[in-house]
Amino acid sequence: SSGINAEYGQVITMLKESQCPCNETQRQIQQKVEALNQYHDFNNYLIYVLAQLKSEEESTRSLAGLILKNNLKVYYHTFPASSKQFIKQQCLSCIGEEEEVEVCMD
């Protein structure tokens, strides 16, 4: 549906904008991430960007993975079962792929 596509577009735009080193931009992006964390679909979008959107730049996909990793650490217990399952399936689909996307695990 067009609503879902618009939401994906917003997530992609935010991920690209967050690569700007400007402090003000970084502060705004952090606020957006915090607001988007209220929606469980946000994490589904992040894993989709990481696992499926091969046409996106590696830096964009890597950042999606980093935000998702942080969200999993903090919020996983609050995710609905459907989101947990979707994220697991998408992660498993990435195993064995030749292309690597680095996600800092610190």
PDB file of N, CA and C in Angstrom:
ATOM      1  N   SER A   1       0.839  -1.197   0.000  1.00  0.00           N
ATOM      2  CA  SER A   1       0.000   0.000   0.000  1.00  0.00           C
ATOM      3  C   SER A   1       0.872   1.244   0.000  1.00  0.00           C
ATOM      4  N   SER A   2       0.289   2.362  -0.394  1.00  0.00           N
ATOM      5  CA  SER A   2       1.072   3.594  -0.502  1.00  0.00           C
ATOM      6  C   SER A   2       1.486   4.122   0.862  1.00  0.00           C
ATOM      7  N   GLY A   3       0.697   3.845   1.912  1.00  0.00           N
ATOM      8  CA  GLY A   3       1.072   4.269   3.256  1.00  0.00           C
ATOM      9  C   GLY A   3       2.353   3.613   3.714  1.00  0.00           C
ATOM     10  N   ILE A   4       2.475   2.321   3.451  1.00  0.00           N
ATOM     11  CA  ILE A   4       3.687   1.588   3.823  1.00  0.00           C
ATOM     12  C   ILE A   4       4.871   2.111   3.028  1.00  0.00           C
ATOM     13  N   ASN A   5       4.687   2.335   1.736  1.00  0.00           N
ATOM     14  CA  ASN A   5       5.782   2.860   0.916  1.00  0.00           C
ATOM     15  C   ASN A   5       6.233   4.226   1.400  1.00  0.00           C
ATOM     16  N   ALA A   6       5.290   5.059   1.819  1.00  0.00           N
ATOM     17  CA  ALA A   6       5.641   6.386   2.341  1.00  0.00           C
ATOM     18  C   ALA A   6       6.446   6.252   3.629  1.00  0.00           C
ATOM     19  N   GLU A   7       6.049   5.319   4.491  1.00  0.00           N
ATOM     20  CA  GLU A   7       6.782   5.113   5.742  1.00  0.00           C
ATOM     21  C   GLU A   7       8.190   4.595   5.463  1.00  0.00           C
ATOM     22  N   TYR A   8       8.329   3.650   4.524  1.00  0.00           N
ATOM     23  CA  TYR A   8       9.669   3.181   4.148  1.00  0.00           C
ATOM     24  C   TYR A   8      10.495   4.354   3.646  1.00  0.00           C
ATOM     25  N   GLY A   9       9.881   5.198   2.826  1.00  0.00           N
ATOM     26  CA  GLY A   9      10.585   6.352   2.290  1.00  0.00           C
ATOM     27  C   GLY A   9      11.063   7.286   3.387  1.00  0.00           C
ATOM     28  N   GLN A  10      10.248   7.489   4.412  1.00  0.00           N
ATOM     29  CA  GLN A  10      10.640   8.339   5.531  1.00  0.00           C
ATOM     30  C   GLN A  10      11.820   7.736   6.285  1.00  0.00           C
ATOM     31  N   VAL A  11      11.803   6.422   6.470  1.00  0.00           N
ATOM     32  CA  VAL A  11      12.902   5.755   7.174  1.00  0.00           C
ATOM     33  C   VAL A  11      14.184   5.874   6.358  1.00  0.00           C
ATOM     34  N   ILE A  12      14.107   5.624   5.058  1.00  0.00           N
ATOM     35  CA  ILE A  12      15.284   5.735   4.181  1.00  0.00           C
ATOM     36  C   ILE A  12      15.837   7.162   4.218  1.00  0.00           C
ATOM     37  N   THR A  13      14.959   8.154   4.110  1.00  0.00           N
ATOM     38  CA  THR A  13      15.393   9.548   4.149  1.00  0.00           C
ATOM     39  C   THR A  13      16.092   9.861   5.466  1.00  0.00           C
ATOM     40  N   MET A  14      15.512   9.412   6.568  1.00  0.00           N
ATOM     41  CA  MET A  14      16.111   9.656   7.883  1.00  0.00           C
ATOM     42  C   MET A  14      17.492   9.003   7.967  1.00  0.00           C
ATOM     43  N   LEU A  15      17.612   7.779   7.473  1.00  0.00           N
ATOM     44  CA  LEU A  15      18.899   7.083   7.518  1.00  0.00           C
ATOM     45  C   LEU A  15      19.950   7.830   6.704  1.00  0.00           C
ATOM     46  N   LYS A  16      19.565   8.333   5.547  1.00  0.00           N
ATOM     47  CA  LYS A  16      20.512   9.078   4.706  1.00  0.00           C
ATOM     48  C   LYS A  16      20.888  10.408   5.349  1.00  0.00           C
ATOM     49  N   GLU A  17      19.899  11.111   5.905  1.00  0.00           N
ATOM     50  CA  GLU A  17      20.175  12.399   6.550  1.00  0.00           C
ATOM     51  C   GLU A  17      21.087  12.224   7.761  1.00  0.00           C
ATOM     52  N   SER A  18      20.972  11.102   8.443  1.00  0.00           N
ATOM     53  CA  SER A  18      21.741  10.899   9.670  1.00  0.00           C
ATOM     54  C   SER A  18      23.227  10.719   9.403  1.00  0.00           C
ATOM     55  N   GLN A  19      23.598  10.556   8.145  1.00  0.00           N
ATOM     56  CA  GLN A  19      25.004  10.398   7.815  1.00  0.00           C
ATOM     57  C   GLN A  19      25.727  11.742   7.749  1.00  0.00           C
ATOM     58  N   CYS A  20      24.988  12.832   7.906  1.00  0.00           N
ATOM     59  CA  CYS A  20      25.582  14.167   7.966  1.00  0.00           C
ATOM     60  C   CYS A  20      26.209  14.357   9.344  1.00  0.00           C
ATOM     61  N   PRO A  21      27.469  14.803   9.421  1.00  0.00           N
ATOM     62  CA  PRO A  21      28.133  14.934  10.722  1.00  0.00           C
ATOM     63  C   PRO A  21      27.686  16.139  11.550  1.00  0.00           C
ATOM     64  N   CYS A  22      26.849  16.999  10.982  1.00  0.00           N
ATOM     65  CA  CYS A  22      26.396  18.217  11.672  1.00  0.00           C
ATOM     66  C   CYS A  22      25.690  17.877  12.984  1.00  0.00           C
ATOM     67  N   ASN A  23      26.085  18.522  14.080  1.00  0.00           N
ATOM     68  CA  ASN A  23      25.509  18.246  15.401  1.00  0.00           C
ATOM     69  C   ASN A  23      24.008  18.472  15.444  1.00  0.00           C
ATOM     70  N   GLU A  24      23.532  19.547  14.831  1.00  0.00           N
ATOM     71  CA  GLU A  24      22.100  19.840  14.838  1.00  0.00           C
ATOM     72  C   GLU A  24      21.328  18.741  14.104  1.00  0.00           C
ATOM     73  N   THR A  25      21.846  18.304  12.975  1.00  0.00           N
ATOM     74  CA  THR A  25      21.202  17.228  12.227  1.00  0.00           C
ATOM     75  C   THR A  25      21.175  15.958  13.060  1.00  0.00           C
ATOM     76  N   GLN A  26      22.290  15.652  13.716  1.00  0.00           N
ATOM     77  CA  GLN A  26      22.357  14.453  14.547  1.00  0.00           C
ATOM     78  C   GLN A  26      21.339  14.502  15.688  1.00  0.00           C
ATOM     79  N   ARG A  27      21.173  15.670  16.278  1.00  0.00           N
ATOM     80  CA  ARG A  27      20.199  15.827  17.368  1.00  0.00           C
ATOM     81  C   ARG A  27      18.786  15.598  16.847  1.00  0.00           C
ATOM     82  N   GLN A  28      18.481  16.163  15.687  1.00  0.00           N
ATOM     83  CA  GLN A  28      17.156  15.995  15.088  1.00  0.00           C
ATOM     84  C   GLN A  28      16.892  14.526  14.734  1.00  0.00           C
ATOM     85  N   ILE A  29      17.909  13.862  14.205  1.00  0.00           N
ATOM     86  CA  ILE A  29      17.759  12.447  13.837  1.00  0.00           C
ATOM     87  C   ILE A  29      17.520  11.612  15.094  1.00  0.00           C
ATOM     88  N   GLN A  30      18.250  11.900  16.160  1.00  0.00           N
ATOM     89  CA  GLN A  30      18.060  11.153  17.405  1.00  0.00           C
ATOM     90  C   GLN A  30      16.625  11.307  17.910  1.00  0.00           C
ATOM     91  N   GLN A  31      16.089  12.510  17.804  1.00  0.00           N
ATOM     92  CA  GLN A  31      14.697  12.746  18.203  1.00  0.00           C
ATOM     93  C   GLN A  31      13.734  11.953  17.328  1.00  0.00           C
ATOM     94  N   LYS A  32      14.011  11.911  16.020  1.00  0.00           N
ATOM     95  CA  LYS A  32      13.163  11.131  15.107  1.00  0.00           C
ATOM     96  C   LYS A  32      13.206   9.650  15.462  1.00  0.00           C
ATOM     97  N   VAL A  33      14.406   9.138  15.725  1.00  0.00           N
ATOM     98  CA  VAL A  33      14.545   7.715  16.079  1.00  0.00           C
ATOM     99  C   VAL A  33      13.765   7.422  17.356  1.00  0.00           C
ATOM    100  N   GLU A  34      13.900   8.286  18.340  1.00  0.00           N
ATOM    101  CA  GLU A  34      13.170   8.078  19.600  1.00  0.00           C
ATOM    102  C   GLU A  34      11.663   8.085  19.360  1.00  0.00           C
ATOM    103  N   ALA A  35      11.191   8.989  18.519  1.00  0.00           N
ATOM    104  CA  ALA A  35       9.757   9.039  18.208  1.00  0.00           C
ATOM    105  C   ALA A  35       9.319   7.794  17.439  1.00  0.00           C
ATOM    106  N   LEU A  36      10.130   7.374  16.469  1.00  0.00           N
ATOM    107  CA  LEU A  36       9.780   6.203  15.664  1.00  0.00           C
ATOM    108  C   LEU A  36       9.823   4.910  16.471  1.00  0.00           C
ATOM    109  N   ASN A  37      10.598   4.900  17.546  1.00  0.00           N
ATOM    110  CA  ASN A  37      10.662   3.709  18.384  1.00  0.00           C
ATOM    111  C   ASN A  37       9.327   3.409  19.061  1.00  0.00           C
ATOM    112  N   GLN A  38       8.398   4.347  19.024  1.00  0.00           N
ATOM    113  CA  GLN A  38       7.066   4.112  19.578  1.00  0.00           C
ATOM    114  C   GLN A  38       6.266   3.154  18.687  1.00  0.00           C
ATOM    115  N   TYR A  39       6.716   2.955  17.461  1.00  0.00           N
ATOM    116  CA  TYR A  39       6.002   2.136  16.488  1.00  0.00           C
ATOM    117  C   TYR A  39       6.791   0.854  16.211  1.00  0.00           C
ATOM    118  N   HIS A  40       6.173  -0.276  16.492  1.00  0.00           N
ATOM    119  CA  HIS A  40       6.869  -1.543  16.296  1.00  0.00           C
ATOM    120  C   HIS A  40       7.244  -1.777  14.830  1.00  0.00           C
ATOM    121  N   ASP A  41       6.458  -1.227  13.903  1.00  0.00           N
ATOM    122  CA  ASP A  41       6.779  -1.399  12.493  1.00  0.00           C
ATOM    123  C   ASP A  41       8.109  -0.759  12.127  1.00  0.00           C
ATOM    124  N   PHE A  42       8.561   0.218  12.894  1.00  0.00           N
ATOM    125  CA  PHE A  42       9.843   0.868  12.617  1.00  0.00           C
ATOM    126  C   PHE A  42      10.961  -0.175  12.558  1.00  0.00           C
ATOM    127  N   ASN A  43      10.969  -1.112  13.490  1.00  0.00           N
ATOM    128  CA  ASN A  43      12.005  -2.143  13.504  1.00  0.00           C
ATOM    129  C   ASN A  43      11.859  -3.095  12.328  1.00  0.00           C
ATOM    130  N   ASN A  44      10.620  -3.333  11.901  1.00  0.00           N
ATOM    131  CA  ASN A  44      10.406  -4.145  10.699  1.00  0.00           C
ATOM    132  C   ASN A  44      10.985  -3.437   9.479  1.00  0.00           C
ATOM    133  N   TYR A  45      10.818  -2.123   9.417  1.00  0.00           N
ATOM    134  CA  TYR A  45      11.380  -1.358   8.307  1.00  0.00           C
ATOM    135  C   TYR A  45      12.907  -1.414   8.336  1.00  0.00           C
ATOM    136  N   LEU A  46      13.467  -1.291   9.536  1.00  0.00           N
ATOM    137  CA  LEU A  46      14.929  -1.325   9.648  1.00  0.00           C
ATOM    138  C   LEU A  46      15.501  -2.649   9.163  1.00  0.00           C
ATOM    139  N   ILE A  47      14.907  -3.756   9.581  1.00  0.00           N
ATOM    140  CA  ILE A  47      15.432  -5.055   9.143  1.00  0.00           C
ATOM    141  C   ILE A  47      15.200  -5.239   7.646  1.00  0.00           C
ATOM    142  N   TYR A  48      14.118  -4.709   7.132  1.00  0.00           N
ATOM    143  CA  TYR A  48      13.858  -4.803   5.699  1.00  0.00           C
ATOM    144  C   TYR A  48      14.914  -4.034   4.915  1.00  0.00           C
ATOM    145  N   VAL A  49      15.241  -2.833   5.371  1.00  0.00           N
ATOM    146  CA  VAL A  49      16.286  -2.044   4.707  1.00  0.00           C
ATOM    147  C   VAL A  49      17.604  -2.808   4.739  1.00  0.00           C
ATOM    148  N   LEU A  50      17.951  -3.349   5.897  1.00  0.00           N
ATOM    149  CA  LEU A  50      19.210  -4.068   6.048  1.00  0.00           C
ATOM    150  C   LEU A  50      19.246  -5.331   5.189  1.00  0.00           C
ATOM    151  N   ALA A  51      18.185  -6.115   5.248  1.00  0.00           N
ATOM    152  CA  ALA A  51      18.209  -7.445   4.632  1.00  0.00           C
ATOM    153  C   ALA A  51      17.788  -7.472   3.170  1.00  0.00           C
ATOM    154  N   GLN A  52      16.913  -6.562   2.762  1.00  0.00           N
ATOM    155  CA  GLN A  52      16.306  -6.687   1.435  1.00  0.00           C
ATOM    156  C   GLN A  52      16.634  -5.572   0.448  1.00  0.00           C
ATOM    157  N   LEU A  53      16.916  -4.386   0.918  1.00  0.00           N
ATOM    158  CA  LEU A  53      17.093  -3.261  -0.011  1.00  0.00           C
ATOM    159  C   LEU A  53      18.542  -3.169  -0.493  1.00  0.00           C
ATOM    160  N   LYS A  54      18.914  -4.123  -1.312  1.00  0.00           N
ATOM    161  CA  LYS A  54      20.285  -4.204  -1.817  1.00  0.00           C
ATOM    162  C   LYS A  54      20.664  -3.002  -2.679  1.00  0.00           C
ATOM    163  N   SER A  55      19.658  -2.286  -3.172  1.00  0.00           N
ATOM    164  CA  SER A  55      19.936  -1.134  -4.025  1.00  0.00           C
ATOM    165  C   SER A  55      20.368   0.091  -3.212  1.00  0.00           C
ATOM    166  N   GLU A  56      20.145   0.058  -1.906  1.00  0.00           N
ATOM    167  CA  GLU A  56      20.556   1.181  -1.062  1.00  0.00           C
ATOM    168  C   GLU A  56      22.065   1.127  -0.797  1.00  0.00           C
ATOM    169  N   GLU A  57      22.630   2.284  -0.485  1.00  0.00           N
ATOM    170  CA  GLU A  57      24.060   2.351  -0.174  1.00  0.00           C
ATOM    171  C   GLU A  57      24.347   1.510   1.067  1.00  0.00           C
ATOM    172  N   GLU A  58      25.535   0.939   1.111  1.00  0.00           N
ATOM    173  CA  GLU A  58      25.923   0.123   2.257  1.00  0.00           C
ATOM    174  C   GLU A  58      25.852   0.914   3.553  1.00  0.00           C
ATOM    175  N   SER A  59      26.230   2.186   3.513  1.00  0.00           N
ATOM    176  CA  SER A  59      26.204   2.994   4.734  1.00  0.00           C
ATOM    177  C   SER A  59      24.778   3.140   5.267  1.00  0.00           C
ATOM    178  N   THR A  60      23.811   3.255   4.384  1.00  0.00           N
ATOM    179  CA  THR A  60      22.406   3.371   4.791  1.00  0.00           C
ATOM    180  C   THR A  60      21.930   2.061   5.403  1.00  0.00           C
ATOM    181  N   ARG A  61      22.254   0.948   4.747  1.00  0.00           N
ATOM    182  CA  ARG A  61      21.847  -0.367   5.252  1.00  0.00           C
ATOM    183  C   ARG A  61      22.545  -0.675   6.572  1.00  0.00           C
ATOM    184  N   SER A  62      23.808  -0.309   6.680  1.00  0.00           N
ATOM    185  CA  SER A  62      24.566  -0.553   7.906  1.00  0.00           C
ATOM    186  C   SER A  62      23.974   0.238   9.073  1.00  0.00           C
ATOM    187  N   LEU A  63      23.599   1.483   8.813  1.00  0.00           N
ATOM    188  CA  LEU A  63      23.003   2.301   9.868  1.00  0.00           C
ATOM    189  C   LEU A  63      21.656   1.728  10.313  1.00  0.00           C
ATOM    190  N   ALA A  64      20.879   1.220   9.370  1.00  0.00           N
ATOM    191  CA  ALA A  64      19.611   0.564   9.726  1.00  0.00           C
ATOM    192  C   ALA A  64      19.893  -0.604  10.669  1.00  0.00           C
ATOM    193  N   GLY A  65      20.940  -1.367  10.372  1.00  0.00           N
ATOM    194  CA  GLY A  65      21.314  -2.491  11.232  1.00  0.00           C
ATOM    195  C   GLY A  65      21.769  -2.045  12.608  1.00  0.00           C
ATOM    196  N   LEU A  66      22.506  -0.964  12.667  1.00  0.00           N
ATOM    197  CA  LEU A  66      22.992  -0.447  13.951  1.00  0.00           C
ATOM    198  C   LEU A  66      21.832   0.026  14.834  1.00  0.00           C
ATOM    199  N   ILE A  67      20.910   0.784  14.244  1.00  0.00           N
ATOM    200  CA  ILE A  67      19.744   1.249  15.006  1.00  0.00           C
ATOM    201  C   ILE A  67      18.911   0.060  15.463  1.00  0.00           C
ATOM    202  N   LEU A  68      18.715  -0.915  14.577  1.00  0.00           N
ATOM    203  CA  LEU A  68      17.952  -2.110  14.938  1.00  0.00           C
ATOM    204  C   LEU A  68      18.628  -2.863  16.078  1.00  0.00           C
ATOM    205  N   LYS A  69      19.946  -3.018  15.996  1.00  0.00           N
ATOM    206  CA  LYS A  69      20.677  -3.720  17.057  1.00  0.00           C
ATOM    207  C   LYS A  69      20.455  -3.031  18.398  1.00  0.00           C
ATOM    208  N   ASN A  70      20.551  -1.707  18.408  1.00  0.00           N
ATOM    209  CA  ASN A  70      20.331  -0.958  19.651  1.00  0.00           C
ATOM    210  C   ASN A  70      18.900  -1.128  20.153  1.00  0.00           C
ATOM    211  N   ASN A  71      17.942  -1.101  19.223  1.00  0.00           N
ATOM    212  CA  ASN A  71      16.548  -1.285  19.608  1.00  0.00           C
ATOM    213  C   ASN A  71      16.298  -2.688  20.154  1.00  0.00           C
ATOM    214  N   LEU A  72      16.939  -3.678  19.568  1.00  0.00           N
ATOM    215  CA  LEU A  72      16.775  -5.049  20.053  1.00  0.00           C
ATOM    216  C   LEU A  72      17.279  -5.179  21.487  1.00  0.00           C
ATOM    217  N   LYS A  73      18.406  -4.528  21.761  1.00  0.00           N
ATOM    218  CA  LYS A  73      18.959  -4.575  23.124  1.00  0.00           C
ATOM    219  C   LYS A  73      18.010  -3.989  24.149  1.00  0.00           C
ATOM    220  N   VAL A  74      17.362  -2.883  23.795  1.00  0.00           N
ATOM    221  CA  VAL A  74      16.570  -2.123  24.764  1.00  0.00           C
ATOM    222  C   VAL A  74      15.095  -2.518  24.764  1.00  0.00           C
ATOM    223  N   TYR A  75      14.530  -2.738  23.592  1.00  0.00           N
ATOM    224  CA  TYR A  75      13.073  -2.848  23.480  1.00  0.00           C
ATOM    225  C   TYR A  75      12.552  -4.231  23.081  1.00  0.00           C
ATOM    226  N   TYR A  76      13.429  -5.201  22.854  1.00  0.00           N
ATOM    227  CA  TYR A  76      12.981  -6.487  22.292  1.00  0.00           C
ATOM    228  C   TYR A  76      11.827  -7.092  23.083  1.00  0.00           C
ATOM    229  N   HIS A  77      11.872  -7.002  24.374  1.00  0.00           N
ATOM    230  CA  HIS A  77      10.821  -7.595  25.214  1.00  0.00           C
ATOM    231  C   HIS A  77       9.451  -6.962  24.975  1.00  0.00           C
ATOM    232  N   THR A  78       9.422  -5.777  24.366  1.00  0.00           N
ATOM    233  CA  THR A  78       8.141  -5.099  24.101  1.00  0.00           C
ATOM    234  C   THR A  78       7.639  -5.344  22.680  1.00  0.00           C
ATOM    235  N   PHE A  79       8.453  -5.984  21.826  1.00  0.00           N
ATOM    236  CA  PHE A  79       8.047  -6.208  20.437  1.00  0.00           C
ATOM    237  C   PHE A  79       6.906  -7.222  20.398  1.00  0.00           C
ATOM    238  N   PRO A  80       5.928  -7.007  19.507  1.00  0.00           N
ATOM    239  CA  PRO A  80       4.906  -8.040  19.317  1.00  0.00           C
ATOM    240  C   PRO A  80       5.540  -9.288  18.682  1.00  0.00           C
ATOM    241  N   ALA A  81       4.919 -10.420  18.920  1.00  0.00           N
ATOM    242  CA  ALA A  81       5.452 -11.690  18.394  1.00  0.00           C
ATOM    243  C   ALA A  81       5.640 -11.636  16.880  1.00  0.00           C
ATOM    244  N   SER A  82       4.726 -10.968  16.171  1.00  0.00           N
ATOM    245  CA  SER A  82       4.834 -10.902  14.710  1.00  0.00           C
ATOM    246  C   SER A  82       6.102 -10.158  14.283  1.00  0.00           C
ATOM    247  N   SER A  83       6.466  -9.100  14.998  1.00  0.00           N
ATOM    248  CA  SER A  83       7.695  -8.364  14.675  1.00  0.00           C
ATOM    249  C   SER A  83       8.925  -9.204  14.986  1.00  0.00           C
ATOM    250  N   LYS A  84       8.919  -9.876  16.121  1.00  0.00           N
ATOM    251  CA  LYS A  84      10.052 -10.747  16.473  1.00  0.00           C
ATOM    252  C   LYS A  84      10.256 -11.796  15.393  1.00  0.00           C
ATOM    253  N   GLN A  85       9.156 -12.413  14.949  1.00  0.00           N
ATOM    254  CA  GLN A  85       9.249 -13.454  13.925  1.00  0.00           C
ATOM    255  C   GLN A  85       9.758 -12.894  12.605  1.00  0.00           C
ATOM    256  N   PHE A  86       9.249 -11.728  12.189  1.00  0.00           N
ATOM    257  CA  PHE A  86       9.673 -11.114  10.937  1.00  0.00           C
ATOM    258  C   PHE A  86      11.158 -10.791  10.976  1.00  0.00           C
ATOM    259  N   ILE A  87      11.620 -10.221  12.075  1.00  0.00           N
ATOM    260  CA  ILE A  87      13.036  -9.866  12.216  1.00  0.00           C
ATOM    261  C   ILE A  87      13.895 -11.117  12.165  1.00  0.00           C
ATOM    262  N   LYS A  88      13.492 -12.172  12.864  1.00  0.00           N
ATOM    263  CA  LYS A  88      14.249 -13.432  12.832  1.00  0.00           C
ATOM    264  C   LYS A  88      14.320 -13.993  11.419  1.00  0.00           C
ATOM    265  N   GLN A  89      13.192 -13.995  10.714  1.00  0.00           N
ATOM    266  CA  GLN A  89      13.169 -14.522   9.342  1.00  0.00           C
ATOM    267  C   GLN A  89      14.084 -13.724   8.427  1.00  0.00           C
ATOM    268  N   GLN A  90      14.046 -12.409   8.552  1.00  0.00           N
ATOM    269  CA  GLN A  90      14.887 -11.564   7.705  1.00  0.00           C
ATOM    270  C   GLN A  90      16.370 -11.778   8.019  1.00  0.00           C
ATOM    271  N   CYS A  91      16.696 -11.928   9.305  1.00  0.00           N
ATOM    272  CA  CYS A  91      18.092 -12.194   9.683  1.00  0.00           C
ATOM    273  C   CYS A  91      18.560 -13.515   9.083  1.00  0.00           C
ATOM    274  N   LEU A  92      17.732 -14.525   9.189  1.00  0.00           N
ATOM    275  CA  LEU A  92      18.092 -15.833   8.646  1.00  0.00           C
ATOM    276  C   LEU A  92      18.261 -15.790   7.131  1.00  0.00           C
ATOM    277  N   SER A  93      17.482 -14.946   6.467  1.00  0.00           N
ATOM    278  CA  SER A  93      17.592 -14.847   5.009  1.00  0.00           C
ATOM    279  C   SER A  93      18.927 -14.245   4.589  1.00  0.00           C
ATOM    280  N   CYS A  94      19.578 -13.518   5.499  1.00  0.00           N
ATOM    281  CA  CYS A  94      20.864 -12.881   5.195  1.00  0.00           C
ATOM    282  C   CYS A  94      22.041 -13.837   5.372  1.00  0.00           C
ATOM    283  N   ILE A  95      21.843 -14.877   6.157  1.00  0.00           N
ATOM    284  CA  ILE A  95      22.941 -15.807   6.422  1.00  0.00           C
ATOM    285  C   ILE A  95      23.336 -16.492   5.120  1.00  0.00           C
ATOM    286  N   GLY A  96      24.611 -16.472   4.847  1.00  0.00           N
ATOM    287  CA  GLY A  96      25.122 -17.114   3.650  1.00  0.00           C
ATOM    288  C   GLY A  96      25.174 -16.208   2.440  1.00  0.00           C
ATOM    289  N   GLU A  97      24.735 -14.970   2.570  1.00  0.00           N
ATOM    290  CA  GLU A  97      24.849 -14.049   1.446  1.00  0.00           C
ATOM    291  C   GLU A  97      26.302 -13.673   1.246  1.00  0.00           C
ATOM    292  N   GLU A  98      26.670 -13.488   0.007  1.00  0.00           N
ATOM    293  CA  GLU A  98      28.065 -13.152  -0.287  1.00  0.00           C
ATOM    294  C   GLU A  98      28.387 -11.715   0.071  1.00  0.00           C
ATOM    295  N   GLU A  99      27.429 -10.821  -0.097  1.00  0.00           N
ATOM    296  CA  GLU A  99      27.662  -9.409   0.211  1.00  0.00           C
ATOM    297  C   GLU A  99      27.594  -9.215   1.718  1.00  0.00           C
ATOM    298  N   GLU A 100      28.600  -8.542   2.256  1.00  0.00           N
ATOM    299  CA  GLU A 100      28.612  -8.272   3.692  1.00  0.00           C
ATOM    300  C   GLU A 100      28.289  -6.812   3.933  1.00  0.00           C
ATOM    301  N   VAL A 101      27.499  -6.573   4.961  1.00  0.00           N
ATOM    302  CA  VAL A 101      27.231  -5.217   5.429  1.00  0.00           C
ATOM    303  C   VAL A 101      27.727  -5.173   6.856  1.00  0.00           C
ATOM    304  N   GLU A 102      28.677  -4.278   7.110  1.00  0.00           N
ATOM    305  CA  GLU A 102      29.248  -4.206   8.462  1.00  0.00           C
ATOM    306  C   GLU A 102      28.323  -3.439   9.381  1.00  0.00           C
ATOM    307  N   VAL A 103      28.062  -4.034  10.542  1.00  0.00           N
ATOM    308  CA  VAL A 103      27.288  -3.384  11.591  1.00  0.00           C
ATOM    309  C   VAL A 103      28.152  -3.456  12.850  1.00  0.00           C
ATOM    310  N   CYS A 104      28.524  -2.308  13.363  1.00  0.00           N
ATOM    311  CA  CYS A 104      29.351  -2.249  14.556  1.00  0.00           C
ATOM    312  C   CYS A 104      28.605  -2.857  15.730  1.00  0.00           C
ATOM    313  N   MET A 105      29.190  -3.825  16.393  1.00  0.00           N
ATOM    314  CA  MET A 105      28.496  -4.545  17.455  1.00  0.00           C
ATOM    315  C   MET A 105      28.911  -4.078  18.850  1.00  0.00           C
ATOM    316  N   ASP A 106      29.478  -2.892  18.975  1.00  0.00           N
ATOM    317  CA  ASP A 106      29.867  -2.389  20.286  1.00  0.00           C
ATOM    318  C   ASP A 106      28.675  -2.068  21.143  1.00  0.00           C
TER     319      ASP A 106
END
